[in-house]
């Protein structure tokens, strides 16, 4: 009777091969860089509040030691009233993560999608706090599908490879743009 495990077994029925042990650890989450600008204050406060918000985001990762990686989520939020900028927020939320025993494609997904997804709530809170402290109505960023952004990044890399173009630098996990 088979237990569904196709691994080699010794004469005593024990599995002689062991799958590599996977380990994932969040070592540190931190705000790496932040900027808030309100270039048209206080005049902007006298206008009717009907803003248009544009959000750019990018993720990147890099190895900093054996099985230790920094993942950085960069967001730029630009809110305008007509042609005038109400505020501009730039933030880099980062984390140091331990990841061992993952196959390269699984490690790429972990660093390019899962880790940015962990960092996003921290970035969202920091942006909301800065916008409110700047005297503006609360800014609540919508959730982001980092799996879709990572898949889009992999597709772009595949297309670049087919066309013989140089790939993006290692660590670029995906980027996207959202409009509000």
C-alpha atoms as a PDB file:
ATOM      1  CA  UNK A   1       0.000   0.000   0.000  1.00  0.00           C
ATOM      2  CA  UNK A   2       1.401   3.393  -0.962  1.00  0.00           C
ATOM      3  CA  UNK A   3       1.113   6.499   1.173  1.00  0.00           C
ATOM      4  CA  UNK A   4       1.415   8.687  -1.929  1.00  0.00           C
ATOM      5  CA  UNK A   5       5.057   9.497  -1.162  1.00  0.00           C
ATOM      6  CA  UNK A   6       7.259   8.627  -4.127  1.00  0.00           C
ATOM      7  CA  UNK A   7      10.532   9.104  -2.228  1.00  0.00           C
ATOM      8  CA  UNK A   8      13.118   6.373  -1.956  1.00  0.00           C
ATOM      9  CA  UNK A   9      12.801   4.183   1.118  1.00  0.00           C
ATOM     10  CA  UNK A  10      15.294   2.031   2.967  1.00  0.00           C
ATOM     11  CA  UNK A  11      14.661  -1.604   3.821  1.00  0.00           C
ATOM     12  CA  UNK A  12      13.024  -0.637   7.142  1.00  0.00           C
ATOM     13  CA  UNK A  13      10.296   1.423   5.448  1.00  0.00           C
ATOM     14  CA  UNK A  14      11.766   4.758   6.554  1.00  0.00           C
ATOM     15  CA  UNK A  15      12.181   7.659   4.103  1.00  0.00           C
ATOM     16  CA  UNK A  16      15.920   8.080   3.521  1.00  0.00           C
ATOM     17  CA  UNK A  17      15.585  11.505   1.883  1.00  0.00           C
ATOM     18  CA  UNK A  18      14.462  14.582   3.730  1.00  0.00           C
ATOM     19  CA  UNK A  19      12.928  17.611   2.085  1.00  0.00           C
ATOM     20  CA  UNK A  20      14.869  20.781   2.790  1.00  0.00           C
ATOM     21  CA  UNK A  21      13.473  22.536   5.831  1.00  0.00           C
ATOM     22  CA  UNK A  22      11.852  25.830   4.883  1.00  0.00           C
ATOM     23  CA  UNK A  23      12.190  28.719   7.280  1.00  0.00           C
ATOM     24  CA  UNK A  24      10.750  32.229   7.040  1.00  0.00           C
ATOM     25  CA  UNK A  25      11.400  34.878   9.688  1.00  0.00           C
ATOM     26  CA  UNK A  26      10.497  38.560   9.941  1.00  0.00           C
ATOM     27  CA  UNK A  27      13.592  40.108  11.528  1.00  0.00           C
ATOM     28  CA  UNK A  28      12.696  43.797  11.277  1.00  0.00           C
ATOM     29  CA  UNK A  29      10.090  46.105   9.720  1.00  0.00           C
ATOM     30  CA  UNK A  30      11.111  49.743   9.450  1.00  0.00           C
ATOM     31  CA  UNK A  31      10.431  53.050   7.767  1.00  0.00           C
ATOM     32  CA  UNK A  32      13.474  53.645   5.570  1.00  0.00           C
ATOM     33  CA  UNK A  33      12.607  56.999   3.989  1.00  0.00           C
ATOM     34  CA  UNK A  34       9.652  59.378   4.115  1.00  0.00           C
ATOM     35  CA  UNK A  35       8.732  62.742   2.621  1.00  0.00           C
ATOM     36  CA  UNK A  36       5.582  64.869   2.838  1.00  0.00           C
ATOM     37  CA  UNK A  37       5.109  68.040   0.804  1.00  0.00           C
ATOM     38  CA  UNK A  38       2.181  70.414   0.585  1.00  0.00           C
ATOM     39  CA  UNK A  39       3.518  73.040  -1.820  1.00  0.00           C
ATOM     40  CA  UNK A  40       0.270  75.014  -2.171  1.00  0.00           C
ATOM     41  CA  UNK A  41      -0.724  75.233   1.510  1.00  0.00           C
ATOM     42  CA  UNK A  42      -2.448  77.149   2.956  1.00  0.00           C
ATOM     43  CA  UNK A  43      -4.196  78.377  -0.222  1.00  0.00           C
ATOM     44  CA  UNK A  44      -5.171  74.810  -1.186  1.00  0.00           C
ATOM     45  CA  UNK A  45      -7.351  74.571   1.956  1.00  0.00           C
ATOM     46  CA  UNK A  46      -9.678  77.288   0.632  1.00  0.00           C
ATOM     47  CA  UNK A  47     -10.625  75.271  -2.472  1.00  0.00           C
ATOM     48  CA  UNK A  48     -13.480  72.773  -2.728  1.00  0.00           C
ATOM     49  CA  UNK A  49     -12.074  69.335  -1.884  1.00  0.00           C
ATOM     50  CA  UNK A  50     -12.515  67.248  -5.045  1.00  0.00           C
ATOM     51  CA  UNK A  51      -9.055  65.682  -5.395  1.00  0.00           C
ATOM     52  CA  UNK A  52      -7.554  63.360  -7.939  1.00  0.00           C
ATOM     53  CA  UNK A  53      -5.008  60.972  -6.469  1.00  0.00           C
ATOM     54  CA  UNK A  54      -2.312  59.088  -8.358  1.00  0.00           C
ATOM     55  CA  UNK A  55      -0.332  56.302  -6.661  1.00  0.00           C
ATOM     56  CA  UNK A  56       2.896  54.726  -7.922  1.00  0.00           C
ATOM     57  CA  UNK A  57       4.397  51.732  -6.207  1.00  0.00           C
ATOM     58  CA  UNK A  58       7.497  49.655  -6.663  1.00  0.00           C
ATOM     59  CA  UNK A  59       9.089  46.777  -4.805  1.00  0.00           C
ATOM     60  CA  UNK A  60      12.686  45.672  -4.706  1.00  0.00           C
ATOM     61  CA  UNK A  61      14.663  43.071  -2.811  1.00  0.00           C
ATOM     62  CA  UNK A  62      18.304  42.348  -2.240  1.00  0.00           C
ATOM     63  CA  UNK A  63      20.345  39.771  -0.360  1.00  0.00           C
ATOM     64  CA  UNK A  64      22.186  41.276   2.604  1.00  0.00           C
ATOM     65  CA  UNK A  65      23.612  38.047   3.999  1.00  0.00           C
ATOM     66  CA  UNK A  66      23.200  34.319   3.486  1.00  0.00           C
ATOM     67  CA  UNK A  67      19.435  33.650   3.605  1.00  0.00           C
ATOM     68  CA  UNK A  68      18.783  37.242   4.799  1.00  0.00           C
ATOM     69  CA  UNK A  69      17.026  39.705   2.495  1.00  0.00           C
ATOM     70  CA  UNK A  70      15.896  43.313   2.558  1.00  0.00           C
ATOM     71  CA  UNK A  71      12.592  43.981   0.812  1.00  0.00           C
ATOM     72  CA  UNK A  72      11.607  47.574   0.094  1.00  0.00           C
ATOM     73  CA  UNK A  73       8.151  48.842  -0.816  1.00  0.00           C
ATOM     74  CA  UNK A  74       8.184  52.342  -2.329  1.00  0.00           C
ATOM     75  CA  UNK A  75       4.987  54.365  -2.674  1.00  0.00           C
ATOM     76  CA  UNK A  76       4.445  57.827  -4.095  1.00  0.00           C
ATOM     77  CA  UNK A  77       1.024  59.392  -3.554  1.00  0.00           C
ATOM     78  CA  UNK A  78       0.268  62.586  -5.483  1.00  0.00           C
ATOM     79  CA  UNK A  79      -3.025  64.337  -4.808  1.00  0.00           C
ATOM     80  CA  UNK A  80      -4.090  67.310  -6.922  1.00  0.00           C
ATOM     81  CA  UNK A  81      -6.954  69.759  -7.110  1.00  0.00           C
ATOM     82  CA  UNK A  82      -7.062  70.578 -10.795  1.00  0.00           C
ATOM     83  CA  UNK A  83      -3.477  71.347 -11.786  1.00  0.00           C
ATOM     84  CA  UNK A  84      -2.356  72.278  -8.266  1.00  0.00           C
ATOM     85  CA  UNK A  85      -0.668  69.728  -6.032  1.00  0.00           C
ATOM     86  CA  UNK A  86      -2.416  69.437  -2.681  1.00  0.00           C
ATOM     87  CA  UNK A  87       0.163  67.015  -1.289  1.00  0.00           C
ATOM     88  CA  UNK A  88       2.867  64.590  -2.288  1.00  0.00           C
ATOM     89  CA  UNK A  89       3.883  61.691  -0.043  1.00  0.00           C
ATOM     90  CA  UNK A  90       6.875  59.471  -0.770  1.00  0.00           C
ATOM     91  CA  UNK A  91       7.591  56.534   1.487  1.00  0.00           C
ATOM     92  CA  UNK A  92       9.946  53.572   1.544  1.00  0.00           C
ATOM     93  CA  UNK A  93       8.743  50.892   3.936  1.00  0.00           C
ATOM     94  CA  UNK A  94      11.257  48.097   4.320  1.00  0.00           C
ATOM     95  CA  UNK A  95      11.833  44.861   6.138  1.00  0.00           C
ATOM     96  CA  UNK A  96      14.583  42.365   6.798  1.00  0.00           C
ATOM     97  CA  UNK A  97      13.462  38.795   6.279  1.00  0.00           C
ATOM     98  CA  UNK A  98      15.112  35.425   6.756  1.00  0.00           C
ATOM     99  CA  UNK A  99      14.283  32.824   4.121  1.00  0.00           C
ATOM    100  CA  UNK A 100      15.998  29.459   3.875  1.00  0.00           C
ATOM    101  CA  UNK A 101      15.206  26.219   2.084  1.00  0.00           C
ATOM    102  CA  UNK A 102      13.072  27.733  -0.681  1.00  0.00           C
ATOM    103  CA  UNK A 103      13.436  26.819  -4.356  1.00  0.00           C
ATOM    104  CA  UNK A 104      14.456  29.861  -6.457  1.00  0.00           C
ATOM    105  CA  UNK A 105      10.978  30.378  -7.943  1.00  0.00           C
ATOM    106  CA  UNK A 106       9.352  30.142  -4.502  1.00  0.00           C
ATOM    107  CA  UNK A 107      11.949  32.518  -3.039  1.00  0.00           C
ATOM    108  CA  UNK A 108      11.215  34.998  -5.848  1.00  0.00           C
ATOM    109  CA  UNK A 109       7.496  34.882  -5.075  1.00  0.00           C
ATOM    110  CA  UNK A 110       8.169  35.201  -1.339  1.00  0.00           C
ATOM    111  CA  UNK A 111      10.346  38.306  -1.807  1.00  0.00           C
ATOM    112  CA  UNK A 112       8.376  39.782  -4.704  1.00  0.00           C
ATOM    113  CA  UNK A 113       4.823  39.293  -3.452  1.00  0.00           C
ATOM    114  CA  UNK A 114       4.457  37.899   0.055  1.00  0.00           C
ATOM    115  CA  UNK A 115       6.898  40.267   1.798  1.00  0.00           C
ATOM    116  CA  UNK A 116       5.553  43.436   0.092  1.00  0.00           C
ATOM    117  CA  UNK A 117       2.080  42.290   1.145  1.00  0.00           C
ATOM    118  CA  UNK A 118       3.336  42.159   4.760  1.00  0.00           C
ATOM    119  CA  UNK A 119       4.876  45.646   4.461  1.00  0.00           C
ATOM    120  CA  UNK A 120       1.880  47.336   2.839  1.00  0.00           C
ATOM    121  CA  UNK A 121      -0.239  47.862   6.006  1.00  0.00           C
ATOM    122  CA  UNK A 122       2.698  49.655   7.658  1.00  0.00           C
ATOM    123  CA  UNK A 123       3.117  51.928   4.619  1.00  0.00           C
ATOM    124  CA  UNK A 124      -0.639  52.555   4.439  1.00  0.00           C
ATOM    125  CA  UNK A 125      -0.720  53.624   8.100  1.00  0.00           C
ATOM    126  CA  UNK A 126       2.310  55.911   7.722  1.00  0.00           C
ATOM    127  CA  UNK A 127       0.801  57.607   4.654  1.00  0.00           C
ATOM    128  CA  UNK A 128      -2.571  58.052   6.360  1.00  0.00           C
ATOM    129  CA  UNK A 129      -0.905  59.570   9.406  1.00  0.00           C
ATOM    130  CA  UNK A 130       1.195  62.003   7.347  1.00  0.00           C
ATOM    131  CA  UNK A 131      -1.762  63.140   5.243  1.00  0.00           C
ATOM    132  CA  UNK A 132      -3.910  63.736   8.333  1.00  0.00           C
ATOM    133  CA  UNK A 133      -1.091  65.605  10.105  1.00  0.00           C
ATOM    134  CA  UNK A 134      -0.763  67.727   6.953  1.00  0.00           C
ATOM    135  CA  UNK A 135      -4.317  68.972   7.504  1.00  0.00           C
ATOM    136  CA  UNK A 136      -6.006  66.903   4.801  1.00  0.00           C
ATOM    137  CA  UNK A 137      -8.860  64.380   4.973  1.00  0.00           C
ATOM    138  CA  UNK A 138      -7.822  60.824   5.798  1.00  0.00           C
ATOM    139  CA  UNK A 139      -6.151  58.886   2.953  1.00  0.00           C
ATOM    140  CA  UNK A 140      -7.015  55.174   3.071  1.00  0.00           C
ATOM    141  CA  UNK A 141      -5.157  53.269   0.370  1.00  0.00           C
ATOM    142  CA  UNK A 142      -7.026  50.404  -1.261  1.00  0.00           C
ATOM    143  CA  UNK A 143      -5.571  46.896  -0.972  1.00  0.00           C
ATOM    144  CA  UNK A 144      -2.972  45.903  -3.564  1.00  0.00           C
ATOM    145  CA  UNK A 145      -2.780  42.548  -5.345  1.00  0.00           C
ATOM    146  CA  UNK A 146       0.963  41.913  -5.105  1.00  0.00           C
ATOM    147  CA  UNK A 147       0.539  38.441  -6.619  1.00  0.00           C
ATOM    148  CA  UNK A 148      -0.791  40.033  -9.827  1.00  0.00           C
ATOM    149  CA  UNK A 149       1.978  42.653  -9.858  1.00  0.00           C
ATOM    150  CA  UNK A 150       4.621  39.960  -9.389  1.00  0.00           C
ATOM    151  CA  UNK A 151       3.085  37.850 -12.190  1.00  0.00           C
ATOM    152  CA  UNK A 152       3.110  40.947 -14.430  1.00  0.00           C
ATOM    153  CA  UNK A 153       6.790  41.494 -13.591  1.00  0.00           C
ATOM    154  CA  UNK A 154       7.642  37.872 -14.486  1.00  0.00           C
ATOM    155  CA  UNK A 155       5.776  38.239 -17.795  1.00  0.00           C
ATOM    156  CA  UNK A 156       7.751  41.412 -18.602  1.00  0.00           C
ATOM    157  CA  UNK A 157      11.007  39.569 -17.867  1.00  0.00           C
ATOM    158  CA  UNK A 158       9.925  36.679 -20.106  1.00  0.00           C
ATOM    159  CA  UNK A 159       9.086  39.080 -22.944  1.00  0.00           C
ATOM    160  CA  UNK A 160      12.409  40.898 -22.529  1.00  0.00           C
ATOM    161  CA  UNK A 161      14.247  37.578 -22.671  1.00  0.00           C
ATOM    162  CA  UNK A 162      12.393  36.587 -25.852  1.00  0.00           C
ATOM    163  CA  UNK A 163      13.290  39.908 -27.471  1.00  0.00           C
ATOM    164  CA  UNK A 164      16.912  39.654 -26.385  1.00  0.00           C
ATOM    165  CA  UNK A 165      16.683  42.730 -24.157  1.00  0.00           C
ATOM    166  CA  UNK A 166      18.638  43.082 -20.948  1.00  0.00           C
ATOM    167  CA  UNK A 167      16.488  42.093 -17.961  1.00  0.00           C
ATOM    168  CA  UNK A 168      15.673  44.509 -15.136  1.00  0.00           C
ATOM    169  CA  UNK A 169      18.176  44.539 -12.280  1.00  0.00           C
ATOM    170  CA  UNK A 170      17.977  41.661  -9.806  1.00  0.00           C
ATOM    171  CA  UNK A 171      15.687  42.379  -6.932  1.00  0.00           C
ATOM    172  CA  UNK A 172      13.052  44.266  -8.890  1.00  0.00           C
ATOM    173  CA  UNK A 173       9.982  42.423  -7.776  1.00  0.00           C
ATOM    174  CA  UNK A 174       7.286  44.365  -9.489  1.00  0.00           C
ATOM    175  CA  UNK A 175       5.833  47.754  -9.949  1.00  0.00           C
ATOM    176  CA  UNK A 176       2.425  49.137 -10.529  1.00  0.00           C
ATOM    177  CA  UNK A 177       0.357  52.205 -10.798  1.00  0.00           C
ATOM    178  CA  UNK A 178      -3.044  52.955  -9.314  1.00  0.00           C
ATOM    179  CA  UNK A 179      -5.386  55.871  -9.809  1.00  0.00           C
ATOM    180  CA  UNK A 180      -7.997  56.949  -7.343  1.00  0.00           C
END
